[in-house]
Structures are given as C-alpha cells and as structure tokens.
PDB file of N, CA and C in Angstrom:
ATOM      1  N   UNK A   1      85.889 133.025 119.973  1.00  0.00           N
ATOM      2  CA  UNK A   1      87.041 132.489 120.682  1.00  0.00           C
ATOM      3  C   UNK A   1      86.665 131.249 121.491  1.00  0.00           C
ATOM      4  N   UNK A   2      85.485 131.276 122.097  1.00  0.00           N
ATOM      5  CA  UNK A   2      85.041 130.122 122.885  1.00  0.00           C
ATOM      6  C   UNK A   2      84.815 128.898 122.009  1.00  0.00           C
ATOM      7  N   UNK A   3      84.341 129.117 120.788  1.00  0.00           N
ATOM      8  CA  UNK A   3      84.106 128.004 119.867  1.00  0.00           C
ATOM      9  C   UNK A   3      85.433 127.376 119.466  1.00  0.00           C
ATOM     10  N   UNK A   4      86.413 128.203 119.181  1.00  0.00           N
ATOM     11  CA  UNK A   4      87.738 127.704 118.819  1.00  0.00           C
ATOM     12  C   UNK A   4      88.346 126.897 119.968  1.00  0.00           C
ATOM     13  N   UNK A   5      88.213 127.386 121.172  1.00  0.00           N
ATOM     14  CA  UNK A   5      88.723 126.662 122.343  1.00  0.00           C
ATOM     15  C   UNK A   5      88.016 125.325 122.514  1.00  0.00           C
ATOM     16  N   UNK A   6      86.711 125.314 122.309  1.00  0.00           N
ATOM     17  CA  UNK A   6      85.952 124.069 122.440  1.00  0.00           C
ATOM     18  C   UNK A   6      86.366 123.066 121.377  1.00  0.00           C
ATOM     19  N   UNK A   7      86.577 123.526 120.158  1.00  0.00           N
ATOM     20  CA  UNK A   7      87.005 122.642 119.075  1.00  0.00           C
ATOM     21  C   UNK A   7      88.379 122.059 119.378  1.00  0.00           C
ATOM     22  N   UNK A   8      89.293 122.886 119.819  1.00  0.00           N
ATOM     23  CA  UNK A   8      90.632 122.405 120.182  1.00  0.00           C
ATOM     24  C   UNK A   8      90.562 121.407 121.330  1.00  0.00           C
ATOM     25  N   UNK A   9      89.723 121.674 122.311  1.00  0.00           N
ATOM     26  CA  UNK A   9      89.567 120.756 123.432  1.00  0.00           C
ATOM     27  C   UNK A   9      89.043 119.405 122.953  1.00  0.00           C
ATOM     28  N   UNK A  10      88.076 119.404 122.064  1.00  0.00           N
ATOM     29  CA  UNK A  10      87.526 118.157 121.531  1.00  0.00           C
ATOM     30  C   UNK A  10      88.578 117.409 120.724  1.00  0.00           C
ATOM     31  N   UNK A  11      89.330 118.100 119.888  1.00  0.00           N
ATOM     32  CA  UNK A  11      90.368 117.470 119.077  1.00  0.00           C
ATOM     33  C   UNK A  11      91.412 116.800 119.970  1.00  0.00           C
ATOM     34  N   UNK A  12      91.885 117.523 120.982  1.00  0.00           N
ATOM     35  CA  UNK A  12      92.897 116.951 121.872  1.00  0.00           C
ATOM     36  C   UNK A  12      92.316 115.820 122.728  1.00  0.00           C
ATOM     37  N   UNK A  13      91.055 115.916 123.097  1.00  0.00           N
ATOM     38  CA  UNK A  13      90.418 114.837 123.858  1.00  0.00           C
ATOM     39  C   UNK A  13      90.339 113.569 123.012  1.00  0.00           C
ATOM     40  N   UNK A  14      89.973 113.713 121.745  1.00  0.00           N
ATOM     41  CA  UNK A  14      89.902 112.550 120.847  1.00  0.00           C
ATOM     42  C   UNK A  14      91.286 111.954 120.655  1.00  0.00           C
ATOM     43  N   UNK A  15      92.295 112.802 120.478  1.00  0.00           N
ATOM     44  CA  UNK A  15      93.665 112.294 120.335  1.00  0.00           C
ATOM     45  C   UNK A  15      94.109 111.555 121.596  1.00  0.00           C
ATOM     46  N   UNK A  16      93.742 112.049 122.758  1.00  0.00           N
ATOM     47  CA  UNK A  16      94.078 111.387 124.009  1.00  0.00           C
ATOM     48  C   UNK A  16      93.386 110.040 124.146  1.00  0.00           C
ATOM     49  N   UNK A  17      92.125 109.972 123.735  1.00  0.00           N
ATOM     50  CA  UNK A  17      91.389 108.713 123.791  1.00  0.00           C
ATOM     51  C   UNK A  17      92.023 107.693 122.854  1.00  0.00           C
ATOM     52  N   UNK A  18      92.399 108.127 121.665  1.00  0.00           N
ATOM     53  CA  UNK A  18      93.043 107.225 120.708  1.00  0.00           C
ATOM     54  C   UNK A  18      94.365 106.706 121.271  1.00  0.00           C
ATOM     55  N   UNK A  19      95.157 107.575 121.862  1.00  0.00           N
ATOM     56  CA  UNK A  19      96.435 107.151 122.450  1.00  0.00           C
ATOM     57  C   UNK A  19      96.203 106.179 123.600  1.00  0.00           C
ATOM     58  N   UNK A  20      95.191 106.445 124.414  1.00  0.00           N
ATOM     59  CA  UNK A  20      94.880 105.549 125.521  1.00  0.00           C
ATOM     60  C   UNK A  20      94.456 104.179 125.022  1.00  0.00           C
ATOM     61  N   UNK A  21      93.595 104.133 124.011  1.00  0.00           N
ATOM     62  CA  UNK A  21      93.149 102.853 123.455  1.00  0.00           C
ATOM     63  C   UNK A  21      94.322 102.099 122.858  1.00  0.00           C
ATOM     64  N   UNK A  22      95.234 102.788 122.194  1.00  0.00           N
ATOM     65  CA  UNK A  22      96.420 102.140 121.635  1.00  0.00           C
ATOM     66  C   UNK A  22      97.267 101.517 122.729  1.00  0.00           C
ATOM     67  N   UNK A  23      97.536 102.281 123.778  1.00  0.00           N
ATOM     68  CA  UNK A  23      98.346 101.766 124.883  1.00  0.00           C
ATOM     69  C   UNK A  23      97.665 100.588 125.565  1.00  0.00           C
ATOM     70  N   UNK A  24      96.363 100.685 125.762  1.00  0.00           N
ATOM     71  CA  UNK A  24      95.618  99.596 126.383  1.00  0.00           C
ATOM     72  C   UNK A  24      95.646  98.344 125.517  1.00  0.00           C
ATOM     73  N   UNK A  25      95.476  98.516 124.219  1.00  0.00           N
ATOM     74  CA  UNK A  25      95.515  97.388 123.288  1.00  0.00           C
ATOM     75  C   UNK A  25      96.893  96.735 123.294  1.00  0.00           C
ATOM     76  N   UNK A  26      97.927  97.530 123.239  1.00  0.00           N
ATOM     77  CA  UNK A  26      99.288  96.981 123.263  1.00  0.00           C
ATOM     78  C   UNK A  26      99.567  96.271 124.575  1.00  0.00           C
ATOM     79  N   UNK A  27      99.051  96.782 125.680  1.00  0.00           N
ATOM     80  CA  UNK A  27      99.258  96.142 126.974  1.00  0.00           C
ATOM     81  C   UNK A  27      98.514  94.810 127.046  1.00  0.00           C
ATOM     82  N   UNK A  28      97.264  94.796 126.606  1.00  0.00           N
ATOM     83  CA  UNK A  28      96.455  93.583 126.703  1.00  0.00           C
ATOM     84  C   UNK A  28      96.939  92.478 125.778  1.00  0.00           C
ATOM     85  N   UNK A  29      97.430  92.848 124.608  1.00  0.00           N
ATOM     86  CA  UNK A  29      97.837  91.852 123.618  1.00  0.00           C
ATOM     87  C   UNK A  29      99.346  91.766 123.468  1.00  0.00           C
ATOM     88  N   UNK A  30     100.060  92.168 124.492  1.00  0.00           N
ATOM     89  CA  UNK A  30     101.523  92.113 124.416  1.00  0.00           C
ATOM     90  C   UNK A  30     101.988  90.664 124.388  1.00  0.00           C
ATOM     91  N   UNK A  31     103.123  90.490 123.790  1.00  0.00           N
ATOM     92  CA  UNK A  31     103.702  89.167 123.672  1.00  0.00           C
ATOM     93  C   UNK A  31     104.778  89.030 124.735  1.00  0.00           C
ATOM     94  N   UNK A  32     104.705  88.005 125.515  1.00  0.00           N
ATOM     95  CA  UNK A  32     105.680  87.801 126.585  1.00  0.00           C
ATOM     96  C   UNK A  32     107.051  87.434 126.035  1.00  0.00           C
ATOM     97  N   UNK A  33     107.059  86.804 124.862  1.00  0.00           N
ATOM     98  CA  UNK A  33     108.321  86.417 124.244  1.00  0.00           C
ATOM     99  C   UNK A  33     108.910  87.610 123.512  1.00  0.00           C
ATOM    100  N   UNK A  34     110.175  87.526 123.216  1.00  0.00           N
ATOM    101  CA  UNK A  34     110.851  88.608 122.505  1.00  0.00           C
ATOM    102  C   UNK A  34     110.907  88.280 121.013  1.00  0.00           C
ATOM    103  N   UNK A  35     109.760  88.270 120.365  1.00  0.00           N
ATOM    104  CA  UNK A  35     109.698  87.971 118.941  1.00  0.00           C
ATOM    105  C   UNK A  35     109.934  89.236 118.123  1.00  0.00           C
ATOM    106  N   UNK A  36     110.381  89.043 116.911  1.00  0.00           N
ATOM    107  CA  UNK A  36     110.614  90.145 116.001  1.00  0.00           C
ATOM    108  C   UNK A  36     109.507  90.177 114.966  1.00  0.00           C
ATOM    109  N   UNK A  37     109.023  91.370 114.694  1.00  0.00           N
ATOM    110  CA  UNK A  37     108.013  91.547 113.661  1.00  0.00           C
ATOM    111  C   UNK A  37     108.701  92.146 112.443  1.00  0.00           C
ATOM    112  N   UNK A  38     108.510  91.509 111.288  1.00  0.00           N
ATOM    113  CA  UNK A  38     109.056  92.026 110.040  1.00  0.00           C
ATOM    114  C   UNK A  38     107.907  92.322 109.081  1.00  0.00           C
ATOM    115  N   UNK A  39     107.884  93.513 108.540  1.00  0.00           N
ATOM    116  CA  UNK A  39     106.969  93.840 107.470  1.00  0.00           C
ATOM    117  C   UNK A  39     107.784  93.790 106.182  1.00  0.00           C
ATOM    118  N   UNK A  40     107.495  92.818 105.342  1.00  0.00           N
ATOM    119  CA  UNK A  40     108.226  92.645 104.094  1.00  0.00           C
ATOM    120  C   UNK A  40     107.416  93.259 102.971  1.00  0.00           C
ATOM    121  N   UNK A  41     108.038  94.175 102.251  1.00  0.00           N
ATOM    122  CA  UNK A  41     107.397  94.836 101.133  1.00  0.00           C
ATOM    123  C   UNK A  41     108.179  94.514  99.868  1.00  0.00           C
ATOM    124  N   UNK A  42     107.719  93.523  99.077  1.00  0.00           N
ATOM    125  CA  UNK A  42     108.423  93.211  97.834  1.00  0.00           C
ATOM    126  C   UNK A  42     108.082  94.238  96.762  1.00  0.00           C
ATOM    127  N   UNK A  43     109.102  94.749  96.109  1.00  0.00           N
ATOM    128  CA  UNK A  43     108.900  95.747  95.051  1.00  0.00           C
ATOM    129  C   UNK A  43     109.627  95.275  93.809  1.00  0.00           C
ATOM    130  N   UNK A  44     108.900  95.274  92.698  1.00  0.00           N
ATOM    131  CA  UNK A  44     109.433  94.759  91.439  1.00  0.00           C
ATOM    132  C   UNK A  44     109.286  95.813  90.343  1.00  0.00           C
ATOM    133  N   UNK A  45     110.311  95.910  89.510  1.00  0.00           N
ATOM    134  CA  UNK A  45     110.257  96.798  88.356  1.00  0.00           C
ATOM    135  C   UNK A  45     110.077  98.250  88.742  1.00  0.00           C
ATOM    136  N   UNK A  46     109.322  98.975  87.918  1.00  0.00           N
ATOM    137  CA  UNK A  46     109.023 100.376  88.208  1.00  0.00           C
ATOM    138  C   UNK A  46     107.747 100.407  89.030  1.00  0.00           C
ATOM    139  N   UNK A  47     107.871 100.840  90.270  1.00  0.00           N
ATOM    140  CA  UNK A  47     106.738 100.864  91.196  1.00  0.00           C
ATOM    141  C   UNK A  47     106.423 102.321  91.528  1.00  0.00           C
ATOM    142  N   UNK A  48     105.297 102.783  91.034  1.00  0.00           N
ATOM    143  CA  UNK A  48     104.908 104.183  91.236  1.00  0.00           C
ATOM    144  C   UNK A  48     104.600 104.494  92.700  1.00  0.00           C
ATOM    145  N   UNK A  49     104.118 103.508  93.439  1.00  0.00           N
ATOM    146  CA  UNK A  49     103.738 103.763  94.823  1.00  0.00           C
ATOM    147  C   UNK A  49     104.698 103.140  95.833  1.00  0.00           C
ATOM    148  N   UNK A  50     105.958 103.026  95.478  1.00  0.00           N
ATOM    149  CA  UNK A  50     106.960 102.430  96.370  1.00  0.00           C
ATOM    150  C   UNK A  50     107.095 103.244  97.657  1.00  0.00           C
ATOM    151  N   UNK A  51     107.113 104.558  97.536  1.00  0.00           N
ATOM    152  CA  UNK A  51     107.245 105.399  98.725  1.00  0.00           C
ATOM    153  C   UNK A  51     106.047 105.199  99.656  1.00  0.00           C
ATOM    154  N   UNK A  52     104.861 105.162  99.089  1.00  0.00           N
ATOM    155  CA  UNK A  52     103.659 104.948  99.894  1.00  0.00           C
ATOM    156  C   UNK A  52     103.717 103.593 100.604  1.00  0.00           C
ATOM    157  N   UNK A  53     104.115 102.553  99.888  1.00  0.00           N
ATOM    158  CA  UNK A  53     104.184 101.215 100.468  1.00  0.00           C
ATOM    159  C   UNK A  53     105.151 101.169 101.650  1.00  0.00           C
ATOM    160  N   UNK A  54     106.325 101.762 101.478  1.00  0.00           N
ATOM    161  CA  UNK A  54     107.325 101.733 102.543  1.00  0.00           C
ATOM    162  C   UNK A  54     106.917 102.587 103.739  1.00  0.00           C
ATOM    163  N   UNK A  55     106.373 103.765 103.475  1.00  0.00           N
ATOM    164  CA  UNK A  55     105.939 104.618 104.585  1.00  0.00           C
ATOM    165  C   UNK A  55     104.761 103.997 105.339  1.00  0.00           C
ATOM    166  N   UNK A  56     103.897 103.311 104.611  1.00  0.00           N
ATOM    167  CA  UNK A  56     102.780 102.617 105.246  1.00  0.00           C
ATOM    168  C   UNK A  56     103.282 101.483 106.146  1.00  0.00           C
ATOM    169  N   UNK A  57     104.231 100.706 105.644  1.00  0.00           N
ATOM    170  CA  UNK A  57     104.810  99.628 106.449  1.00  0.00           C
ATOM    171  C   UNK A  57     105.532 100.203 107.669  1.00  0.00           C
ATOM    172  N   UNK A  58     106.228 101.320 107.493  1.00  0.00           N
ATOM    173  CA  UNK A  58     106.932 101.956 108.612  1.00  0.00           C
ATOM    174  C   UNK A  58     105.935 102.435 109.670  1.00  0.00           C
ATOM    175  N   UNK A  59     104.813 102.974 109.242  1.00  0.00           N
ATOM    176  CA  UNK A  59     103.792 103.410 110.195  1.00  0.00           C
ATOM    177  C   UNK A  59     103.234 102.222 110.973  1.00  0.00           C
ATOM    178  N   UNK A  60     103.052 101.094 110.300  1.00  0.00           N
ATOM    179  CA  UNK A  60     102.560  99.898 110.981  1.00  0.00           C
ATOM    180  C   UNK A  60     103.575  99.396 112.002  1.00  0.00           C
ATOM    181  N   UNK A  61     104.850  99.434 111.646  1.00  0.00           N
ATOM    182  CA  UNK A  61     105.884  99.006 112.586  1.00  0.00           C
ATOM    183  C   UNK A  61     105.907  99.942 113.798  1.00  0.00           C
ATOM    184  N   UNK A  62     105.804 101.231 113.561  1.00  0.00           N
ATOM    185  CA  UNK A  62     105.791 102.174 114.677  1.00  0.00           C
ATOM    186  C   UNK A  62     104.593 101.921 115.587  1.00  0.00           C
ATOM    187  N   UNK A  63     103.477 101.519 115.006  1.00  0.00           N
ATOM    188  CA  UNK A  63     102.261 101.302 115.786  1.00  0.00           C
ATOM    189  C   UNK A  63     102.392 100.076 116.684  1.00  0.00           C
ATOM    190  N   UNK A  64     102.989  98.996 116.188  1.00  0.00           N
ATOM    191  CA  UNK A  64     103.002  97.746 116.946  1.00  0.00           C
ATOM    192  C   UNK A  64     104.328  97.442 117.627  1.00  0.00           C
ATOM    193  N   UNK A  65     105.414  98.088 117.268  1.00  0.00           N
ATOM    194  CA  UNK A  65     106.722  97.630 117.739  1.00  0.00           C
ATOM    195  C   UNK A  65     107.023  98.002 119.180  1.00  0.00           C
ATOM    196  N   UNK A  66     106.598  99.150 119.644  1.00  0.00           N
ATOM    197  CA  UNK A  66     106.864  99.589 121.011  1.00  0.00           C
ATOM    198  C   UNK A  66     108.366  99.713 121.270  1.00  0.00           C
ATOM    199  N   UNK A  67     109.136 100.076 120.236  1.00  0.00           N
ATOM    200  CA  UNK A  67     110.557 100.328 120.401  1.00  0.00           C
ATOM    201  C   UNK A  67     111.435  99.106 120.421  1.00  0.00           C
ATOM    202  N   UNK A  68     110.920  97.982 120.052  1.00  0.00           N
ATOM    203  CA  UNK A  68     111.708  96.758 120.057  1.00  0.00           C
ATOM    204  C   UNK A  68     112.480  96.647 118.747  1.00  0.00           C
ATOM    205  N   UNK A  69     113.009  95.475 118.470  1.00  0.00           N
ATOM    206  CA  UNK A  69     113.832  95.284 117.285  1.00  0.00           C
ATOM    207  C   UNK A  69     112.997  94.801 116.096  1.00  0.00           C
ATOM    208  N   UNK A  70     111.907  95.461 115.803  1.00  0.00           N
ATOM    209  CA  UNK A  70     111.070  95.150 114.657  1.00  0.00           C
ATOM    210  C   UNK A  70     111.490  96.065 113.504  1.00  0.00           C
ATOM    211  N   UNK A  71     111.272  95.589 112.284  1.00  0.00           N
ATOM    212  CA  UNK A  71     111.722  96.402 111.167  1.00  0.00           C
ATOM    213  C   UNK A  71     110.943  96.118 109.890  1.00  0.00           C
ATOM    214  N   UNK A  72     111.174  96.990 108.915  1.00  0.00           N
ATOM    215  CA  UNK A  72     110.583  96.895 107.589  1.00  0.00           C
ATOM    216  C   UNK A  72     111.662  96.431 106.633  1.00  0.00           C
ATOM    217  N   UNK A  73     111.303  95.477 105.797  1.00  0.00           N
ATOM    218  CA  UNK A  73     112.222  95.015 104.765  1.00  0.00           C
ATOM    219  C   UNK A  73     111.651  95.395 103.416  1.00  0.00           C
ATOM    220  N   UNK A  74     112.406  96.171 102.673  1.00  0.00           N
ATOM    221  CA  UNK A  74     112.063  96.470 101.291  1.00  0.00           C
ATOM    222  C   UNK A  74     112.804  95.432 100.450  1.00  0.00           C
ATOM    223  N   UNK A  75     112.057  94.505  99.900  1.00  0.00           N
ATOM    224  CA  UNK A  75     112.643  93.389  99.163  1.00  0.00           C
ATOM    225  C   UNK A  75     112.818  93.777  97.697  1.00  0.00           C
ATOM    226  N   UNK A  76     114.066  93.829  97.262  1.00  0.00           N
ATOM    227  CA  UNK A  76     114.390  94.201  95.891  1.00  0.00           C
ATOM    228  C   UNK A  76     114.149  93.010  94.967  1.00  0.00           C
ATOM    229  N   UNK A  77     113.034  93.060  94.257  1.00  0.00           N
ATOM    230  CA  UNK A  77     112.691  92.011  93.288  1.00  0.00           C
ATOM    231  C   UNK A  77     112.910  92.561  91.886  1.00  0.00           C
ATOM    232  N   UNK A  78     114.153  92.891  91.585  1.00  0.00           N
ATOM    233  CA  UNK A  78     114.548  93.444  90.284  1.00  0.00           C
ATOM    234  C   UNK A  78     113.861  94.779  89.993  1.00  0.00           C
ATOM    235  N   UNK A  79     113.954  95.716  90.936  1.00  0.00           N
ATOM    236  CA  UNK A  79     113.367  97.042  90.722  1.00  0.00           C
ATOM    237  C   UNK A  79     114.291  97.888  89.859  1.00  0.00           C
ATOM    238  N   UNK A  80     113.712  98.878  89.192  1.00  0.00           N
ATOM    239  CA  UNK A  80     114.516  99.758  88.348  1.00  0.00           C
ATOM    240  C   UNK A  80     115.304 100.733  89.225  1.00  0.00           C
ATOM    241  N   UNK A  81     116.223 101.474  88.593  1.00  0.00           N
ATOM    242  CA  UNK A  81     117.142 102.337  89.343  1.00  0.00           C
ATOM    243  C   UNK A  81     116.423 103.469  90.066  1.00  0.00           C
ATOM    244  N   UNK A  82     115.430 104.074  89.447  1.00  0.00           N
ATOM    245  CA  UNK A  82     114.706 105.178  90.084  1.00  0.00           C
ATOM    246  C   UNK A  82     113.964 104.686  91.335  1.00  0.00           C
ATOM    247  N   UNK A  83     113.288 103.559  91.209  1.00  0.00           N
ATOM    248  CA  UNK A  83     112.576 102.994  92.347  1.00  0.00           C
ATOM    249  C   UNK A  83     113.555 102.596  93.445  1.00  0.00           C
ATOM    250  N   UNK A  84     114.699 102.055  93.057  1.00  0.00           N
ATOM    251  CA  UNK A  84     115.719 101.664  94.032  1.00  0.00           C
ATOM    252  C   UNK A  84     116.231 102.883  94.793  1.00  0.00           C
ATOM    253  N   UNK A  85     116.432 103.975  94.079  1.00  0.00           N
ATOM    254  CA  UNK A  85     116.903 105.201  94.715  1.00  0.00           C
ATOM    255  C   UNK A  85     115.869 105.730  95.715  1.00  0.00           C
ATOM    256  N   UNK A  86     114.586 105.670  95.336  1.00  0.00           N
ATOM    257  CA  UNK A  86     113.514 106.101  96.239  1.00  0.00           C
ATOM    258  C   UNK A  86     113.501 105.224  97.487  1.00  0.00           C
ATOM    259  N   UNK A  87     113.610 103.918  97.293  1.00  0.00           N
ATOM    260  CA  UNK A  87     113.598 102.980  98.419  1.00  0.00           C
ATOM    261  C   UNK A  87     114.798 103.195  99.333  1.00  0.00           C
ATOM    262  N   UNK A  88     115.962 103.451  98.756  1.00  0.00           N
ATOM    263  CA  UNK A  88     117.160 103.718  99.561  1.00  0.00           C
ATOM    264  C   UNK A  88     116.977 104.973 100.404  1.00  0.00           C
ATOM    265  N   UNK A  89     116.370 106.003  99.825  1.00  0.00           N
ATOM    266  CA  UNK A  89     116.130 107.243 100.568  1.00  0.00           C
ATOM    267  C   UNK A  89     115.168 107.019 101.725  1.00  0.00           C
ATOM    268  N   UNK A  90     114.094 106.280 101.473  1.00  0.00           N
ATOM    269  CA  UNK A  90     113.121 106.008 102.531  1.00  0.00           C
ATOM    270  C   UNK A  90     113.756 105.154 103.625  1.00  0.00           C
ATOM    271  N   UNK A  91     114.522 104.143 103.234  1.00  0.00           N
ATOM    272  CA  UNK A  91     115.163 103.269 104.222  1.00  0.00           C
ATOM    273  C   UNK A  91     116.181 104.028 105.067  1.00  0.00           C
ATOM    274  N   UNK A  92     116.880 104.988 104.469  1.00  0.00           N
ATOM    275  CA  UNK A  92     117.838 105.768 105.253  1.00  0.00           C
ATOM    276  C   UNK A  92     117.119 106.730 106.200  1.00  0.00           C
ATOM    277  N   UNK A  93     115.899 107.130 105.829  1.00  0.00           N
ATOM    278  CA  UNK A  93     115.120 108.030 106.674  1.00  0.00           C
ATOM    279  C   UNK A  93     114.620 107.312 107.935  1.00  0.00           C
ATOM    280  N   UNK A  94     114.236 106.054 107.763  1.00  0.00           N
ATOM    281  CA  UNK A  94     113.779 105.251 108.895  1.00  0.00           C
ATOM    282  C   UNK A  94     114.903 104.293 109.291  1.00  0.00           C
ATOM    283  N   UNK A  95     115.332 104.350 110.515  1.00  0.00           N
ATOM    284  CA  UNK A  95     116.434 103.517 110.975  1.00  0.00           C
ATOM    285  C   UNK A  95     116.104 102.032 111.034  1.00  0.00           C
ATOM    286  N   UNK A  96     114.823 101.699 111.031  1.00  0.00           N
ATOM    287  CA  UNK A  96     114.410 100.302 111.140  1.00  0.00           C
ATOM    288  C   UNK A  96     113.976  99.720 109.806  1.00  0.00           C
ATOM    289  N   UNK A  97     114.274 100.397 108.713  1.00  0.00           N
ATOM    290  CA  UNK A  97     113.931  99.904 107.374  1.00  0.00           C
ATOM    291  C   UNK A  97     115.211  99.515 106.648  1.00  0.00           C
ATOM    292  N   UNK A  98     115.140  98.392 105.911  1.00  0.00           N
ATOM    293  CA  UNK A  98     116.312  97.887 105.193  1.00  0.00           C
ATOM    294  C   UNK A  98     115.914  97.540 103.768  1.00  0.00           C
ATOM    295  N   UNK A  99     116.781  97.851 102.830  1.00  0.00           N
ATOM    296  CA  UNK A  99     116.615  97.444 101.439  1.00  0.00           C
ATOM    297  C   UNK A  99     117.555  96.269 101.211  1.00  0.00           C
ATOM    298  N   UNK A 100     116.979  95.104 100.921  1.00  0.00           N
ATOM    299  CA  UNK A 100     117.809  93.922 100.720  1.00  0.00           C
ATOM    300  C   UNK A 100     117.365  93.163  99.474  1.00  0.00           C
ATOM    301  N   UNK A 101     118.267  92.354  98.960  1.00  0.00           N
ATOM    302  CA  UNK A 101     117.973  91.533  97.784  1.00  0.00           C
ATOM    303  C   UNK A 101     117.262  90.252  98.224  1.00  0.00           C
ATOM    304  N   UNK A 102     116.740  89.521  97.243  1.00  0.00           N
ATOM    305  CA  UNK A 102     116.080  88.252  97.553  1.00  0.00           C
ATOM    306  C   UNK A 102     117.065  87.264  98.174  1.00  0.00           C
ATOM    307  N   UNK A 103     118.288  87.255  97.670  1.00  0.00           N
ATOM    308  CA  UNK A 103     119.304  86.338  98.189  1.00  0.00           C
ATOM    309  C   UNK A 103     119.592  86.640  99.655  1.00  0.00           C
ATOM    310  N   UNK A 104     119.772  87.914  99.982  1.00  0.00           N
ATOM    311  CA  UNK A 104     120.025  88.310 101.371  1.00  0.00           C
ATOM    312  C   UNK A 104     118.836  87.958 102.270  1.00  0.00           C
ATOM    313  N   UNK A 105     117.632  88.103 101.731  1.00  0.00           N
ATOM    314  CA  UNK A 105     116.432  87.785 102.506  1.00  0.00           C
ATOM    315  C   UNK A 105     116.374  86.298 102.827  1.00  0.00           C
ATOM    316  N   UNK A 106     116.638  85.460 101.827  1.00  0.00           N
ATOM    317  CA  UNK A 106     116.609  84.020 102.068  1.00  0.00           C
ATOM    318  C   UNK A 106     117.686  83.590 103.049  1.00  0.00           C
ATOM    319  N   UNK A 107     118.850  84.230 102.996  1.00  0.00           N
ATOM    320  CA  UNK A 107     119.905  83.939 103.963  1.00  0.00           C
ATOM    321  C   UNK A 107     119.489  84.362 105.367  1.00  0.00           C
ATOM    322  N   UNK A 108     118.766  85.462 105.477  1.00  0.00           N
ATOM    323  CA  UNK A 108     118.336  85.976 106.761  1.00  0.00           C
ATOM    324  C   UNK A 108     117.326  85.048 107.436  1.00  0.00           C
ATOM    325  N   UNK A 109     116.412  84.500 106.658  1.00  0.00           N
ATOM    326  CA  UNK A 109     115.365  83.679 107.264  1.00  0.00           C
ATOM    327  C   UNK A 109     115.788  82.234 107.474  1.00  0.00           C
ATOM    328  N   UNK A 110     116.885  81.833 106.900  1.00  0.00           N
ATOM    329  CA  UNK A 110     117.392  80.464 107.117  1.00  0.00           C
ATOM    330  C   UNK A 110     118.245  80.365 108.331  1.00  0.00           C
TER     331      UNK A 110
END
C-alpha cells in the first residue's frame, strides 16, 4: 500500500510540475497584443489520418490559446466524402475547429 501511495504521489507531483512549467512559459512568452493563432490543416482526397491531424492541431491550440479566440481550420482541399464526414464530426466536437473550403479560407485571410 505504501508503494502505491508513493507512486501516486510521484505521478501527481510530475503532473503538477508540468502544469507549473506550462503556466510559467505562457506567462513569460505571452503576447501583449490580441493576436489570433490559426492552425491550418489542409486535407486532400482520402486521408487516413485526418482525425489524428485535427485532434493534434486541437491539442496544440488548447496548449497555447489560453481561452482566447484561436482556432483550428480544417482546409477542404477536395477531400472525399468519408474524410469530410470525419472532419465535420471532429470540428463539431471542438467548438474552435472549422471545416472550410479553399475559397472561404482565401476570403477570410484577405
């Protein structure tokens, strides 16, 4: 029982250190301006790892955004219907992810 308690204590201590380093890093390198961070993930044709790509981008946004108006863009570069359906599901799961076409993307950045 003592070994299990010690292991749990070490695990939670490491998690606390990681959270502290993250907060310290975000504080030290914070941007004074209100800039938006966009992670653009272009997906074309049949993409076997579309879900992984979008979830990875979402994790990166969660890590750096600090609750601001940053988001993930899944760029539809002529993806097939199955991949599009997967991307739509992932985007609906994350409120800060959007599935947009190339035309919409170019209009957004202009």
